[in-house]
Amino acid sequence: MLIAEIFHSLQGEGELTGVSSVFVRTSGCNLRCNWCDTPYASWSPEGVQMRVDEIVAEVTKRPARHVVLTGGEPMVAREIRELAAALKKLGYHITIETAATIAPDSIACDLASLSPKLRNSAPDERLSAAWRGKHEALRWQPEVVKAWLAGYGFQLKFVVAQVADVDEIEGMLAQLGRDIPRAKVLLMPEGTTVEALRAKAGWLGELCKVRGYRYAPRLHIELYGNKRGT
């Protein structure tokens, strides 16, 4: 499979923020989010072809016992299920960071980090009308999200750019037809710089307090900036 990078860092987002983890970033994505912070794994996929055993060998060189399968969109990688199974057999805790547009189909996973995309993700005129239409049609798949929720420990993580986005999120949650604890819904400010994140942190934090959602910082941006391998 095409791998953009494998690196050891601290988990920067979600319930496991701060946990030492090995990240396996697959290259390739079925969406084209306008604010994507890893375009080298989505808009313009790059990397090297690696076999499952080669990837596992690279993971085992690092001391962490948590592995994060991320992208791009890891679920489009052809051998992602074989990779997850091999890592699980070795006793790793596996987080899969996915937009939840592809069903899990019994993939080995301890934490499904589901990040459905809002309207604010729509790609601009850099892409053709056909690609923009594909993104809009695919970005929200409630039946797929339900399949992940039913089978795995999960967190729902949304990128928020403005207050109106939270109303959109609540409409999406209502479509899932189940009682999701608000503490499992993480709201993350959109931005790839400390300044951009802090500009949204105040009002988003207050909104989380009022509505009961969990505020999700981006620790890796605070520690390293928006750099590859972090």
C-alpha atoms as a PDB file:
ATOM      1  CA  MET A   1       0.000   0.000   0.000  1.00  0.00           C
ATOM      2  CA  LEU A   2       1.077   3.596  -0.542  1.00  0.00           C
ATOM      3  CA  ILE A   3       2.476   5.030   2.703  1.00  0.00           C
ATOM      4  CA  ALA A   4       3.112   8.745   3.101  1.00  0.00           C
ATOM      5  CA  GLU A   5       4.974   8.467   6.407  1.00  0.00           C
ATOM      6  CA  ILE A   6       5.490   6.408   9.561  1.00  0.00           C
ATOM      7  CA  PHE A   7       6.568   8.290  12.653  1.00  0.00           C
ATOM      8  CA  HIS A   8       6.547   8.276  16.461  1.00  0.00           C
ATOM      9  CA  SER A   9       4.913  11.237  18.193  1.00  0.00           C
ATOM     10  CA  LEU A  10       2.279  12.190  20.740  1.00  0.00           C
ATOM     11  CA  GLN A  11      -1.352  11.861  19.780  1.00  0.00           C
ATOM     12  CA  GLY A  12      -2.451  15.437  19.179  1.00  0.00           C
ATOM     13  CA  GLU A  13      -6.224  15.078  18.985  1.00  0.00           C
ATOM     14  CA  GLY A  14      -9.100  13.353  20.729  1.00  0.00           C
ATOM     15  CA  GLU A  15      -9.512  11.286  23.870  1.00  0.00           C
ATOM     16  CA  LEU A  16      -5.936   9.973  23.738  1.00  0.00           C
ATOM     17  CA  THR A  17      -4.294  13.386  23.404  1.00  0.00           C
ATOM     18  CA  GLY A  18      -0.752  13.215  24.717  1.00  0.00           C
ATOM     19  CA  VAL A  19      -0.369   9.425  24.409  1.00  0.00           C
ATOM     20  CA  SER A  20       2.858   8.193  22.841  1.00  0.00           C
ATOM     21  CA  SER A  21       1.850   6.669  19.492  1.00  0.00           C
ATOM     22  CA  VAL A  22       3.207   5.391  16.204  1.00  0.00           C
ATOM     23  CA  PHE A  23       1.424   6.949  13.253  1.00  0.00           C
ATOM     24  CA  VAL A  24       1.046   5.091   9.977  1.00  0.00           C
ATOM     25  CA  ARG A  25      -0.203   7.586   7.399  1.00  0.00           C
ATOM     26  CA  THR A  26      -1.583   5.982   4.272  1.00  0.00           C
ATOM     27  CA  SER A  27      -1.677   8.065   1.109  1.00  0.00           C
ATOM     28  CA  GLY A  28      -4.904   8.495  -0.834  1.00  0.00           C
ATOM     29  CA  CYS A  29      -8.334   9.871   0.022  1.00  0.00           C
ATOM     30  CA  ASN A  30     -11.840   9.749  -1.383  1.00  0.00           C
ATOM     31  CA  LEU A  31     -12.587  13.316  -0.195  1.00  0.00           C
ATOM     32  CA  ARG A  32     -10.971  16.679  -0.924  1.00  0.00           C
ATOM     33  CA  CYS A  33     -11.479  18.863   2.158  1.00  0.00           C
ATOM     34  CA  ASN A  34     -10.621  22.477   1.388  1.00  0.00           C
ATOM     35  CA  TRP A  35      -8.788  22.961   4.698  1.00  0.00           C
ATOM     36  CA  CYS A  36      -6.957  19.603   4.603  1.00  0.00           C
ATOM     37  CA  ASP A  37      -3.719  19.774   6.603  1.00  0.00           C
ATOM     38  CA  THR A  38      -2.191  16.699   4.927  1.00  0.00           C
ATOM     39  CA  PRO A  39      -2.562  17.418   1.188  1.00  0.00           C
ATOM     40  CA  TYR A  40       0.427  15.171   0.470  1.00  0.00           C
ATOM     41  CA  ALA A  41      -1.787  12.245   1.520  1.00  0.00           C
ATOM     42  CA  SER A  42      -5.029  13.417  -0.092  1.00  0.00           C
ATOM     43  CA  TRP A  43      -5.104  16.159  -2.736  1.00  0.00           C
ATOM     44  CA  SER A  44      -1.732  15.084  -4.149  1.00  0.00           C
ATOM     45  CA  PRO A  45      -1.003  11.610  -2.742  1.00  0.00           C
ATOM     46  CA  GLU A  46       2.668  10.770  -2.423  1.00  0.00           C
ATOM     47  CA  GLY A  47       4.699   8.146  -0.634  1.00  0.00           C
ATOM     48  CA  VAL A  48       6.283   4.742  -1.115  1.00  0.00           C
ATOM     49  CA  GLN A  49       4.722   1.355  -1.721  1.00  0.00           C
ATOM     50  CA  MET A  50       5.178  -0.919   1.304  1.00  0.00           C
ATOM     51  CA  ARG A  51       4.070  -4.449   2.115  1.00  0.00           C
ATOM     52  CA  VAL A  52       2.185  -5.152   5.335  1.00  0.00           C
ATOM     53  CA  ASP A  53       5.188  -6.931   6.859  1.00  0.00           C
ATOM     54  CA  GLU A  54       7.434  -3.966   6.044  1.00  0.00           C
ATOM     55  CA  ILE A  55       5.041  -1.551   7.730  1.00  0.00           C
ATOM     56  CA  VAL A  56       4.792  -3.759  10.818  1.00  0.00           C
ATOM     57  CA  ALA A  57       8.587  -3.950  10.986  1.00  0.00           C
ATOM     58  CA  GLU A  58       8.800  -0.145  10.966  1.00  0.00           C
ATOM     59  CA  VAL A  59       6.153   0.125  13.691  1.00  0.00           C
ATOM     60  CA  THR A  60       7.959  -2.333  15.963  1.00  0.00           C
ATOM     61  CA  LYS A  61      11.132  -0.228  15.825  1.00  0.00           C
ATOM     62  CA  ARG A  62       9.330   2.444  17.878  1.00  0.00           C
ATOM     63  CA  PRO A  63       8.689   2.090  21.633  1.00  0.00           C
ATOM     64  CA  ALA A  64       4.992   3.076  21.645  1.00  0.00           C
ATOM     65  CA  ARG A  65       2.221   0.508  22.123  1.00  0.00           C
ATOM     66  CA  HIS A  66      -0.464   2.666  20.531  1.00  0.00           C
ATOM     67  CA  VAL A  67      -0.719   2.733  16.732  1.00  0.00           C
ATOM     68  CA  VAL A  68      -2.749   5.279  14.797  1.00  0.00           C
ATOM     69  CA  LEU A  69      -3.832   4.361  11.262  1.00  0.00           C
ATOM     70  CA  THR A  70      -4.495   7.657   9.552  1.00  0.00           C
ATOM     71  CA  GLY A  71      -4.359   9.363   6.178  1.00  0.00           C
ATOM     72  CA  GLY A  72      -5.609  10.680   3.860  1.00  0.00           C
ATOM     73  CA  GLU A  73      -8.326   8.132   4.367  1.00  0.00           C
ATOM     74  CA  PRO A  74      -6.831   4.861   5.660  1.00  0.00           C
ATOM     75  CA  MET A  75      -9.940   2.853   4.844  1.00  0.00           C
ATOM     76  CA  VAL A  76      -9.321   3.235   1.097  1.00  0.00           C
ATOM     77  CA  ALA A  77      -5.937   1.493   1.422  1.00  0.00           C
ATOM     78  CA  ARG A  78      -6.260  -1.955  -0.140  1.00  0.00           C
ATOM     79  CA  GLU A  79      -4.515  -3.919   2.617  1.00  0.00           C
ATOM     80  CA  ILE A  80      -5.624  -1.868   5.614  1.00  0.00           C
ATOM     81  CA  ARG A  81      -7.523  -4.775   7.167  1.00  0.00           C
ATOM     82  CA  GLU A  82      -4.519  -7.083   6.896  1.00  0.00           C
ATOM     83  CA  LEU A  83      -2.339  -4.396   8.475  1.00  0.00           C
ATOM     84  CA  ALA A  84      -4.751  -3.807  11.352  1.00  0.00           C
ATOM     85  CA  ALA A  85      -5.035  -7.551  11.991  1.00  0.00           C
ATOM     86  CA  ALA A  86      -1.249  -7.977  12.048  1.00  0.00           C
ATOM     87  CA  LEU A  87      -0.813  -5.110  14.506  1.00  0.00           C
ATOM     88  CA  LYS A  88      -3.620  -6.374  16.725  1.00  0.00           C
ATOM     89  CA  LYS A  89      -2.029  -9.817  16.813  1.00  0.00           C
ATOM     90  CA  LEU A  90       1.092  -8.161  18.253  1.00  0.00           C
ATOM     91  CA  GLY A  91      -0.946  -6.554  21.021  1.00  0.00           C
ATOM     92  CA  TYR A  92      -1.018  -2.953  19.831  1.00  0.00           C
ATOM     93  CA  HIS A  93      -3.854  -0.582  20.676  1.00  0.00           C
ATOM     94  CA  ILE A  94      -5.215   0.559  17.317  1.00  0.00           C
ATOM     95  CA  THR A  95      -6.877   3.882  16.587  1.00  0.00           C
ATOM     96  CA  ILE A  96      -8.308   4.378  13.115  1.00  0.00           C
ATOM     97  CA  GLU A  97      -8.765   8.005  12.081  1.00  0.00           C
ATOM     98  CA  THR A  98     -11.431   8.015   9.383  1.00  0.00           C
ATOM     99  CA  ALA A  99     -14.048  10.267   7.826  1.00  0.00           C
ATOM    100  CA  ALA A 100     -16.455   7.326   8.218  1.00  0.00           C
ATOM    101  CA  THR A 101     -17.445   7.095   4.573  1.00  0.00           C
ATOM    102  CA  ILE A 102     -16.429   3.411   4.294  1.00  0.00           C
ATOM    103  CA  ALA A 103     -17.916   0.640   6.427  1.00  0.00           C
ATOM    104  CA  PRO A 104     -15.604  -1.087   8.928  1.00  0.00           C
ATOM    105  CA  ASP A 105     -16.422  -4.666   7.881  1.00  0.00           C
ATOM    106  CA  SER A 106     -14.928  -6.150  11.063  1.00  0.00           C
ATOM    107  CA  ILE A 107     -11.569  -4.381  10.852  1.00  0.00           C
ATOM    108  CA  ALA A 108      -9.428  -4.705  14.002  1.00  0.00           C
ATOM    109  CA  CYS A 109      -9.812  -1.433  15.902  1.00  0.00           C
ATOM    110  CA  ASP A 110      -9.834  -0.338  19.542  1.00  0.00           C
ATOM    111  CA  LEU A 111     -10.822   3.298  19.009  1.00  0.00           C
ATOM    112  CA  ALA A 112     -12.721   4.467  15.938  1.00  0.00           C
ATOM    113  CA  SER A 113     -11.920   8.159  15.625  1.00  0.00           C
ATOM    114  CA  LEU A 114     -14.744   9.235  13.360  1.00  0.00           C
ATOM    115  CA  SER A 115     -14.533  12.636  11.715  1.00  0.00           C
ATOM    116  CA  PRO A 116     -17.483  13.184   9.370  1.00  0.00           C
ATOM    117  CA  LYS A 117     -17.025  16.274   7.244  1.00  0.00           C
ATOM    118  CA  LEU A 118     -19.243  19.330   7.445  1.00  0.00           C
ATOM    119  CA  ARG A 119     -20.242  21.729   4.677  1.00  0.00           C
ATOM    120  CA  ASN A 120     -17.222  23.829   5.647  1.00  0.00           C
ATOM    121  CA  SER A 121     -15.010  21.142   4.082  1.00  0.00           C
ATOM    122  CA  ALA A 122     -16.260  21.774   0.532  1.00  0.00           C
ATOM    123  CA  PRO A 123     -13.366  22.157  -1.928  1.00  0.00           C
ATOM    124  CA  ASP A 124     -13.047  25.392  -3.858  1.00  0.00           C
ATOM    125  CA  GLU A 125     -12.525  26.120  -7.555  1.00  0.00           C
ATOM    126  CA  ARG A 126      -9.115  24.458  -7.558  1.00  0.00           C
ATOM    127  CA  LEU A 127     -11.068  21.280  -8.278  1.00  0.00           C
ATOM    128  CA  SER A 128     -13.469  20.468 -11.076  1.00  0.00           C
ATOM    129  CA  ALA A 129     -17.220  20.627 -10.594  1.00  0.00           C
ATOM    130  CA  ALA A 130     -17.257  16.832 -10.802  1.00  0.00           C
ATOM    131  CA  TRP A 131     -14.854  16.480  -7.867  1.00  0.00           C
ATOM    132  CA  ARG A 132     -16.742  19.072  -5.837  1.00  0.00           C
ATOM    133  CA  GLY A 133     -19.953  17.152  -6.437  1.00  0.00           C
ATOM    134  CA  LYS A 134     -18.323  13.857  -5.461  1.00  0.00           C
ATOM    135  CA  HIS A 135     -17.054  15.341  -2.202  1.00  0.00           C
ATOM    136  CA  GLU A 136     -20.452  16.729  -1.271  1.00  0.00           C
ATOM    137  CA  ALA A 137     -22.237  13.454  -2.059  1.00  0.00           C
ATOM    138  CA  LEU A 138     -19.774  11.344  -0.060  1.00  0.00           C
ATOM    139  CA  ARG A 139     -18.753  13.445   2.958  1.00  0.00           C
ATOM    140  CA  TRP A 140     -21.679  12.403   5.196  1.00  0.00           C
ATOM    141  CA  GLN A 141     -22.726   8.744   5.271  1.00  0.00           C
ATOM    142  CA  PRO A 142     -24.967   8.208   8.317  1.00  0.00           C
ATOM    143  CA  GLU A 143     -25.452   4.479   7.728  1.00  0.00           C
ATOM    144  CA  VAL A 144     -21.694   3.975   7.629  1.00  0.00           C
ATOM    145  CA  VAL A 145     -21.274   6.023  10.799  1.00  0.00           C
ATOM    146  CA  LYS A 146     -23.909   3.847  12.488  1.00  0.00           C
ATOM    147  CA  ALA A 147     -21.953   0.708  11.569  1.00  0.00           C
ATOM    148  CA  TRP A 148     -18.827   2.107  13.230  1.00  0.00           C
ATOM    149  CA  LEU A 149     -20.750   3.196  16.328  1.00  0.00           C
ATOM    150  CA  ALA A 150     -22.345  -0.233  16.694  1.00  0.00           C
ATOM    151  CA  GLY A 151     -19.109  -2.178  16.546  1.00  0.00           C
ATOM    152  CA  TYR A 152     -16.377  -0.168  18.234  1.00  0.00           C
ATOM    153  CA  GLY A 153     -15.333   2.149  20.966  1.00  0.00           C
ATOM    154  CA  PHE A 154     -15.599   5.531  19.308  1.00  0.00           C
ATOM    155  CA  GLN A 155     -15.177   9.253  19.389  1.00  0.00           C
ATOM    156  CA  LEU A 156     -16.906  11.664  17.022  1.00  0.00           C
ATOM    157  CA  LYS A 157     -14.561  14.505  16.119  1.00  0.00           C
ATOM    158  CA  PHE A 158     -15.737  17.510  14.108  1.00  0.00           C
ATOM    159  CA  VAL A 159     -13.740  20.401  12.649  1.00  0.00           C
ATOM    160  CA  VAL A 160     -15.535  23.632  13.541  1.00  0.00           C
ATOM    161  CA  ALA A 161     -14.920  26.899  11.700  1.00  0.00           C
ATOM    162  CA  GLN A 162     -17.907  28.965  12.846  1.00  0.00           C
ATOM    163  CA  VAL A 163     -20.768  28.852  15.346  1.00  0.00           C
ATOM    164  CA  ALA A 164     -23.267  27.768  12.673  1.00  0.00           C
ATOM    165  CA  ASP A 165     -21.276  24.555  12.194  1.00  0.00           C
ATOM    166  CA  VAL A 166     -22.472  23.302  15.573  1.00  0.00           C
ATOM    167  CA  ASP A 167     -26.101  23.480  14.467  1.00  0.00           C
ATOM    168  CA  GLU A 168     -25.129  21.399  11.438  1.00  0.00           C
ATOM    169  CA  ILE A 169     -23.408  18.880  13.715  1.00  0.00           C
ATOM    170  CA  GLU A 170     -26.492  18.559  15.887  1.00  0.00           C
ATOM    171  CA  GLY A 171     -28.601  17.871  12.814  1.00  0.00           C
ATOM    172  CA  MET A 172     -26.189  15.144  11.759  1.00  0.00           C
ATOM    173  CA  LEU A 173     -26.196  13.561  15.213  1.00  0.00           C
ATOM    174  CA  ALA A 174     -30.001  13.507  15.180  1.00  0.00           C
ATOM    175  CA  GLN A 175     -29.888  11.444  11.967  1.00  0.00           C
ATOM    176  CA  LEU A 176     -27.982   8.676  13.741  1.00  0.00           C
ATOM    177  CA  GLY A 177     -31.011   7.714  15.817  1.00  0.00           C
ATOM    178  CA  ARG A 178     -29.160   6.849  19.007  1.00  0.00           C
ATOM    179  CA  ASP A 179     -28.277   8.520  22.269  1.00  0.00           C
ATOM    180  CA  ILE A 180     -24.651   9.583  21.910  1.00  0.00           C
ATOM    181  CA  PRO A 181     -23.082  10.933  25.111  1.00  0.00           C
ATOM    182  CA  ARG A 182     -22.133  14.532  24.484  1.00  0.00           C
ATOM    183  CA  ALA A 183     -18.715  13.919  26.011  1.00  0.00           C
ATOM    184  CA  LYS A 184     -18.052  11.539  23.077  1.00  0.00           C
ATOM    185  CA  VAL A 185     -18.572  14.424  20.637  1.00  0.00           C
ATOM    186  CA  LEU A 186     -15.365  16.409  20.284  1.00  0.00           C
ATOM    187  CA  LEU A 187     -15.332  19.857  18.700  1.00  0.00           C
ATOM    188  CA  MET A 188     -11.995  20.927  17.273  1.00  0.00           C
ATOM    189  CA  PRO A 189     -11.240  24.432  15.997  1.00  0.00           C
ATOM    190  CA  GLU A 190     -10.297  24.614  12.329  1.00  0.00           C
ATOM    191  CA  GLY A 191      -6.795  25.897  11.704  1.00  0.00           C
ATOM    192  CA  THR A 192      -3.211  24.884  11.076  1.00  0.00           C
ATOM    193  CA  THR A 193      -1.458  27.565  13.139  1.00  0.00           C
ATOM    194  CA  VAL A 194      -1.474  28.322  16.855  1.00  0.00           C
ATOM    195  CA  GLU A 195      -2.880  31.772  16.087  1.00  0.00           C
ATOM    196  CA  ALA A 196      -5.773  30.421  14.026  1.00  0.00           C
ATOM    197  CA  LEU A 197      -6.660  27.849  16.659  1.00  0.00           C
ATOM    198  CA  ARG A 198      -6.545  30.355  19.500  1.00  0.00           C
ATOM    199  CA  ALA A 199      -8.741  32.775  17.570  1.00  0.00           C
ATOM    200  CA  LYS A 200     -11.540  30.192  17.689  1.00  0.00           C
ATOM    201  CA  ALA A 201     -10.748  28.621  21.061  1.00  0.00           C
ATOM    202  CA  GLY A 202     -12.592  31.179  23.196  1.00  0.00           C
ATOM    203  CA  TRP A 203     -16.039  31.022  21.630  1.00  0.00           C
ATOM    204  CA  LEU A 204     -15.787  27.298  20.852  1.00  0.00           C
ATOM    205  CA  GLY A 205     -14.787  26.494  24.426  1.00  0.00           C
ATOM    206  CA  GLU A 206     -17.715  28.485  25.778  1.00  0.00           C
ATOM    207  CA  LEU A 207     -20.070  26.757  23.358  1.00  0.00           C
ATOM    208  CA  CYS A 208     -18.810  23.361  24.548  1.00  0.00           C
ATOM    209  CA  LYS A 209     -19.495  24.374  28.136  1.00  0.00           C
ATOM    210  CA  VAL A 210     -23.062  25.399  27.343  1.00  0.00           C
ATOM    211  CA  ARG A 211     -23.986  22.421  25.146  1.00  0.00           C
ATOM    212  CA  GLY A 212     -21.986  19.722  26.927  1.00  0.00           C
ATOM    213  CA  TYR A 213     -19.593  18.754  24.140  1.00  0.00           C
ATOM    214  CA  ARG A 214     -15.901  18.088  24.614  1.00  0.00           C
ATOM    215  CA  TYR A 215     -13.419  20.702  23.444  1.00  0.00           C
ATOM    216  CA  ALA A 216     -10.605  19.113  21.442  1.00  0.00           C
ATOM    217  CA  PRO A 217      -7.295  20.978  21.240  1.00  0.00           C
ATOM    218  CA  ARG A 218      -4.648  20.178  18.612  1.00  0.00           C
ATOM    219  CA  LEU A 219      -1.617  19.427  20.755  1.00  0.00           C
ATOM    220  CA  HIS A 220       0.727  18.665  17.862  1.00  0.00           C
ATOM    221  CA  ILE A 221       0.203  22.166  16.445  1.00  0.00           C
ATOM    222  CA  GLU A 222       1.018  23.664  19.844  1.00  0.00           C
ATOM    223  CA  LEU A 223       4.150  21.529  20.207  1.00  0.00           C
ATOM    224  CA  TYR A 224       5.525  21.326  16.689  1.00  0.00           C
ATOM    225  CA  GLY A 225       3.541  23.519  14.321  1.00  0.00           C
ATOM    226  CA  ASN A 226       1.968  22.141  11.161  1.00  0.00           C
ATOM    227  CA  LYS A 227       4.872  19.909  10.146  1.00  0.00           C
ATOM    228  CA  ARG A 228       5.104  16.433   8.676  1.00  0.00           C
ATOM    229  CA  GLY A 229       6.180  13.648  10.994  1.00  0.00           C
ATOM    230  CA  THR A 230       4.582  15.148  14.091  1.00  0.00           C
END
